[in-house]
Amino acid sequence: MRKIAKRNNRKGMGTVEVVIIIAVLVALALLFRTGLMEYGQKVMDFCFDDSKISSAF
């Protein structure tokens, strides 16, 4: 009798795990979107603030 080794067939497990991780990250981003948008706006305002540039000339 030949035994069929179906237990060792793990093809596709990585794909399922990646899809679950992406779904969790998207759910967290949607849940905290207002906080993330405010934080991103503060970072962008700080980075592109012209008053931070000192004129050396």
PDB file of N, CA and C in Angstrom:
ATOM      1  N   MET A   1       0.823  -1.186   0.000  1.00  0.00           N
ATOM      2  CA  MET A   1       0.000   0.000   0.000  1.00  0.00           C
ATOM      3  C   MET A   1       0.870   1.253   0.000  1.00  0.00           C
ATOM      4  N   ARG A   2       0.438   2.217  -0.773  1.00  0.00           N
ATOM      5  CA  ARG A   2       1.163   3.483  -0.825  1.00  0.00           C
ATOM      6  C   ARG A   2       0.445   4.490   0.062  1.00  0.00           C
ATOM      7  N   LYS A   3       1.238   5.175   0.855  1.00  0.00           N
ATOM      8  CA  LYS A   3       0.671   6.210   1.708  1.00  0.00           C
ATOM      9  C   LYS A   3       0.763   7.547   0.984  1.00  0.00           C
ATOM     10  N   ILE A   4      -0.300   8.270   1.021  1.00  0.00           N
ATOM     11  CA  ILE A   4      -0.313   9.598   0.412  1.00  0.00           C
ATOM     12  C   ILE A   4      -0.035  10.606   1.524  1.00  0.00           C
ATOM     13  N   ALA A   5       1.037  11.360   1.363  1.00  0.00           N
ATOM     14  CA  ALA A   5       1.449  12.317   2.397  1.00  0.00           C
ATOM     15  C   ALA A   5       0.810  13.666   2.126  1.00  0.00           C
ATOM     16  N   LYS A   6      -0.402  13.850   2.615  1.00  0.00           N
ATOM     17  CA  LYS A   6      -1.084  15.126   2.440  1.00  0.00           C
ATOM     18  C   LYS A   6      -0.724  16.105   3.554  1.00  0.00           C
ATOM     19  N   ARG A   7      -0.214  15.590   4.650  1.00  0.00           N
ATOM     20  CA  ARG A   7       0.148  16.463   5.768  1.00  0.00           C
ATOM     21  C   ARG A   7       1.314  17.365   5.426  1.00  0.00           C
ATOM     22  N   ASN A   8       2.223  16.913   4.592  1.00  0.00           N
ATOM     23  CA  ASN A   8       3.419  17.683   4.282  1.00  0.00           C
ATOM     24  C   ASN A   8       3.207  18.696   3.168  1.00  0.00           C
ATOM     25  N   ASN A   9       2.016  18.727   2.585  1.00  0.00           N
ATOM     26  CA  ASN A   9       1.725  19.668   1.513  1.00  0.00           C
ATOM     27  C   ASN A   9       1.284  20.990   2.134  1.00  0.00           C
ATOM     28  N   ARG A  10       2.189  21.942   2.242  1.00  0.00           N
ATOM     29  CA  ARG A  10       1.894  23.233   2.866  1.00  0.00           C
ATOM     30  C   ARG A  10       1.966  24.368   1.847  1.00  0.00           C
ATOM     31  N   LYS A  11       1.726  24.056   0.625  1.00  0.00           N
ATOM     32  CA  LYS A  11       1.761  25.056  -0.434  1.00  0.00           C
ATOM     33  C   LYS A  11       0.625  26.059  -0.229  1.00  0.00           C
ATOM     34  N   GLY A  12       0.950  27.337  -0.255  1.00  0.00           N
ATOM     35  CA  GLY A  12      -0.068  28.360  -0.104  1.00  0.00           C
ATOM     36  C   GLY A  12      -0.238  28.885   1.306  1.00  0.00           C
ATOM     37  N   MET A  13       0.411  28.305   2.281  1.00  0.00           N
ATOM     38  CA  MET A  13       0.271  28.775   3.655  1.00  0.00           C
ATOM     39  C   MET A  13       0.830  30.186   3.803  1.00  0.00           C
ATOM     40  N   GLY A  14       1.900  30.500   3.143  1.00  0.00           N
ATOM     41  CA  GLY A  14       2.484  31.831   3.224  1.00  0.00           C
ATOM     42  C   GLY A  14       1.548  32.892   2.667  1.00  0.00           C
ATOM     43  N   THR A  15       0.852  32.569   1.607  1.00  0.00           N
ATOM     44  CA  THR A  15      -0.078  33.506   0.993  1.00  0.00           C
ATOM     45  C   THR A  15      -1.226  33.844   1.935  1.00  0.00           C
ATOM     46  N   VAL A  16      -1.761  32.853   2.591  1.00  0.00           N
ATOM     47  CA  VAL A  16      -2.872  33.073   3.518  1.00  0.00           C
ATOM     48  C   VAL A  16      -2.415  33.950   4.685  1.00  0.00           C
ATOM     49  N   GLU A  17      -1.241  33.680   5.191  1.00  0.00           N
ATOM     50  CA  GLU A  17      -0.722  34.478   6.304  1.00  0.00           C
ATOM     51  C   GLU A  17      -0.518  35.928   5.899  1.00  0.00           C
ATOM     52  N   VAL A  18       0.008  36.171   4.712  1.00  0.00           N
ATOM     53  CA  VAL A  18       0.230  37.535   4.240  1.00  0.00           C
ATOM     54  C   VAL A  18      -1.098  38.254   4.059  1.00  0.00           C
ATOM     55  N   VAL A  19      -2.096  37.589   3.529  1.00  0.00           N
ATOM     56  CA  VAL A  19      -3.417  38.203   3.337  1.00  0.00           C
ATOM     57  C   VAL A  19      -4.032  38.568   4.684  1.00  0.00           C
ATOM     58  N   ILE A  20      -3.896  37.716   5.680  1.00  0.00           N
ATOM     59  CA  ILE A  20      -4.437  38.012   7.009  1.00  0.00           C
ATOM     60  C   ILE A  20      -3.724  39.201   7.634  1.00  0.00           C
ATOM     61  N   ILE A  21      -2.414  39.265   7.507  1.00  0.00           N
ATOM     62  CA  ILE A  21      -1.650  40.391   8.061  1.00  0.00           C
ATOM     63  C   ILE A  21      -2.055  41.690   7.376  1.00  0.00           C
ATOM     64  N   ILE A  22      -2.200  41.680   6.063  1.00  0.00           N
ATOM     65  CA  ILE A  22      -2.611  42.891   5.338  1.00  0.00           C
ATOM     66  C   ILE A  22      -4.010  43.319   5.763  1.00  0.00           C
ATOM     67  N   ALA A  23      -4.909  42.361   5.948  1.00  0.00           N
ATOM     68  CA  ALA A  23      -6.273  42.688   6.374  1.00  0.00           C
ATOM     69  C   ALA A  23      -6.279  43.329   7.760  1.00  0.00           C
ATOM     70  N   VAL A  24      -5.457  42.827   8.660  1.00  0.00           N
ATOM     71  CA  VAL A  24      -5.368  43.406  10.006  1.00  0.00           C
ATOM     72  C   VAL A  24      -4.799  44.815   9.949  1.00  0.00           C
ATOM     73  N   LEU A  25      -3.768  45.038   9.142  1.00  0.00           N
ATOM     74  CA  LEU A  25      -3.178  46.371   9.021  1.00  0.00           C
ATOM     75  C   LEU A  25      -4.165  47.371   8.414  1.00  0.00           C
ATOM     76  N   VAL A  26      -4.918  46.952   7.428  1.00  0.00           N
ATOM     77  CA  VAL A  26      -5.924  47.833   6.825  1.00  0.00           C
ATOM     78  C   VAL A  26      -7.015  48.164   7.840  1.00  0.00           C
ATOM     79  N   ALA A  27      -7.443  47.169   8.618  1.00  0.00           N
ATOM     80  CA  ALA A  27      -8.470  47.411   9.637  1.00  0.00           C
ATOM     81  C   ALA A  27      -7.965  48.393  10.686  1.00  0.00           C
ATOM     82  N   LEU A  28      -6.712  48.259  11.110  1.00  0.00           N
ATOM     83  CA  LEU A  28      -6.150  49.188  12.090  1.00  0.00           C
ATOM     84  C   LEU A  28      -6.026  50.593  11.509  1.00  0.00           C
ATOM     85  N   ALA A  29      -5.625  50.684  10.254  1.00  0.00           N
ATOM     86  CA  ALA A  29      -5.507  51.991   9.611  1.00  0.00           C
ATOM     87  C   ALA A  29      -6.867  52.668   9.504  1.00  0.00           C
ATOM     88  N   LEU A  30      -7.909  51.903   9.187  1.00  0.00           N
ATOM     89  CA  LEU A  30      -9.248  52.483   9.112  1.00  0.00           C
ATOM     90  C   LEU A  30      -9.772  52.879  10.490  1.00  0.00           C
ATOM     91  N   LEU A  31      -9.419  52.109  11.495  1.00  0.00           N
ATOM     92  CA  LEU A  31      -9.879  52.379  12.848  1.00  0.00           C
ATOM     93  C   LEU A  31      -9.243  53.656  13.401  1.00  0.00           C
ATOM     94  N   PHE A  32      -7.964  53.846  13.140  1.00  0.00           N
ATOM     95  CA  PHE A  32      -7.239  54.986  13.681  1.00  0.00           C
ATOM     96  C   PHE A  32      -6.917  56.030  12.614  1.00  0.00           C
ATOM     97  N   ARG A  33      -7.723  56.133  11.566  1.00  0.00           N
ATOM     98  CA  ARG A  33      -7.382  57.004  10.445  1.00  0.00           C
ATOM     99  C   ARG A  33      -7.323  58.472  10.820  1.00  0.00           C
ATOM    100  N   THR A  34      -8.192  58.948  11.722  1.00  0.00           N
ATOM    101  CA  THR A  34      -8.144  60.377  12.075  1.00  0.00           C
ATOM    102  C   THR A  34      -6.859  60.702  12.820  1.00  0.00           C
ATOM    103  N   GLY A  35      -6.475  59.848  13.743  1.00  0.00           N
ATOM    104  CA  GLY A  35      -5.224  60.059  14.469  1.00  0.00           C
ATOM    105  C   GLY A  35      -4.014  59.980  13.562  1.00  0.00           C
ATOM    106  N   LEU A  36      -4.036  59.024  12.635  1.00  0.00           N
ATOM    107  CA  LEU A  36      -2.918  58.879  11.703  1.00  0.00           C
ATOM    108  C   LEU A  36      -2.835  60.068  10.750  1.00  0.00           C
ATOM    109  N   MET A  37      -3.986  60.570  10.323  1.00  0.00           N
ATOM    110  CA  MET A  37      -3.994  61.728   9.423  1.00  0.00           C
ATOM    111  C   MET A  37      -3.461  62.970  10.140  1.00  0.00           C
ATOM    112  N   GLU A  38      -3.856  63.167  11.399  1.00  0.00           N
ATOM    113  CA  GLU A  38      -3.363  64.315  12.165  1.00  0.00           C
ATOM    114  C   GLU A  38      -1.862  64.206  12.385  1.00  0.00           C
ATOM    115  N   TYR A  39      -1.384  63.026  12.724  1.00  0.00           N
ATOM    116  CA  TYR A  39       0.046  62.821  12.933  1.00  0.00           C
ATOM    117  C   TYR A  39       0.822  63.066  11.634  1.00  0.00           C
ATOM    118  N   GLY A  40       0.320  62.546  10.536  1.00  0.00           N
ATOM    119  CA  GLY A  40       0.977  62.763   9.245  1.00  0.00           C
ATOM    120  C   GLY A  40       1.000  64.233   8.863  1.00  0.00           C
ATOM    121  N   GLN A  41      -0.080  64.943   9.151  1.00  0.00           N
ATOM    122  CA  GLN A  41      -0.128  66.379   8.841  1.00  0.00           C
ATOM    123  C   GLN A  41       0.885  67.151   9.681  1.00  0.00           C
ATOM    124  N   LYS A  42       1.017  66.795  10.960  1.00  0.00           N
ATOM    125  CA  LYS A  42       1.996  67.463  11.832  1.00  0.00           C
ATOM    126  C   LYS A  42       3.423  67.219  11.338  1.00  0.00           C
ATOM    127  N   VAL A  43       3.702  65.991  10.933  1.00  0.00           N
ATOM    128  CA  VAL A  43       5.041  65.660  10.431  1.00  0.00           C
ATOM    129  C   VAL A  43       5.327  66.430   9.146  1.00  0.00           C
ATOM    130  N   MET A  44       4.355  66.490   8.241  1.00  0.00           N
ATOM    131  CA  MET A  44       4.551  67.201   6.981  1.00  0.00           C
ATOM    132  C   MET A  44       4.717  68.702   7.221  1.00  0.00           C
ATOM    133  N   ASP A  45       3.931  69.265   8.133  1.00  0.00           N
ATOM    134  CA  ASP A  45       4.066  70.683   8.451  1.00  0.00           C
ATOM    135  C   ASP A  45       5.441  70.986   9.032  1.00  0.00           C
ATOM    136  N   PHE A  46       5.937  70.100   9.889  1.00  0.00           N
ATOM    137  CA  PHE A  46       7.256  70.308  10.482  1.00  0.00           C
ATOM    138  C   PHE A  46       8.355  70.202   9.424  1.00  0.00           C
ATOM    139  N   CYS A  47       8.242  69.242   8.531  1.00  0.00           N
ATOM    140  CA  CYS A  47       9.287  69.021   7.521  1.00  0.00           C
ATOM    141  C   CYS A  47       9.330  70.133   6.479  1.00  0.00           C
ATOM    142  N   PHE A  48       8.188  70.679   6.125  1.00  0.00           N
ATOM    143  CA  PHE A  48       8.142  71.672   5.057  1.00  0.00           C
ATOM    144  C   PHE A  48       7.880  73.084   5.561  1.00  0.00           C
ATOM    145  N   ASP A  49       8.203  73.345   6.821  1.00  0.00           N
ATOM    146  CA  ASP A  49       8.013  74.667   7.400  1.00  0.00           C
ATOM    147  C   ASP A  49       9.166  75.567   6.969  1.00  0.00           C
ATOM    148  N   ASP A  50       8.845  76.644   6.262  1.00  0.00           N
ATOM    149  CA  ASP A  50       9.885  77.540   5.764  1.00  0.00           C
ATOM    150  C   ASP A  50      10.511  78.373   6.877  1.00  0.00           C
ATOM    151  N   SER A  51       9.853  78.543   7.996  1.00  0.00           N
ATOM    152  CA  SER A  51      10.418  79.331   9.086  1.00  0.00           C
ATOM    153  C   SER A  51      11.575  78.606   9.776  1.00  0.00           C
ATOM    154  N   LYS A  52      11.707  77.319   9.546  1.00  0.00           N
ATOM    155  CA  LYS A  52      12.819  76.541  10.139  1.00  0.00           C
ATOM    156  C   LYS A  52      14.123  76.766   9.375  1.00  0.00           C
ATOM    157  N   ILE A  53      14.027  77.292   8.169  1.00  0.00           N
ATOM    158  CA  ILE A  53      15.212  77.502   7.353  1.00  0.00           C
ATOM    159  C   ILE A  53      15.847  78.815   7.743  1.00  0.00           C
ATOM    160  N   SER A  54      17.116  78.752   8.141  1.00  0.00           N
ATOM    161  CA  SER A  54      17.809  79.992   8.489  1.00  0.00           C
ATOM    162  C   SER A  54      18.558  80.493   7.259  1.00  0.00           C
ATOM    163  N   SER A  55      18.435  81.759   7.005  1.00  0.00           N
ATOM    164  CA  SER A  55      19.112  82.320   5.832  1.00  0.00           C
ATOM    165  C   SER A  55      20.548  82.667   6.182  1.00  0.00           C
ATOM    166  N   ALA A  56      21.469  82.040   5.496  1.00  0.00           N
ATOM    167  CA  ALA A  56      22.886  82.254   5.755  1.00  0.00           C
ATOM    168  C   ALA A  56      23.434  83.405   4.931  1.00  0.00           C
ATOM    169  N   PHE A  57      22.634  83.985   4.067  1.00  0.00           N
ATOM    170  CA  PHE A  57      23.137  85.029   3.192  1.00  0.00           C
ATOM    171  C   PHE A  57      22.762  86.372   3.701  1.00  0.00           C
TER     172      PHE A  57
END
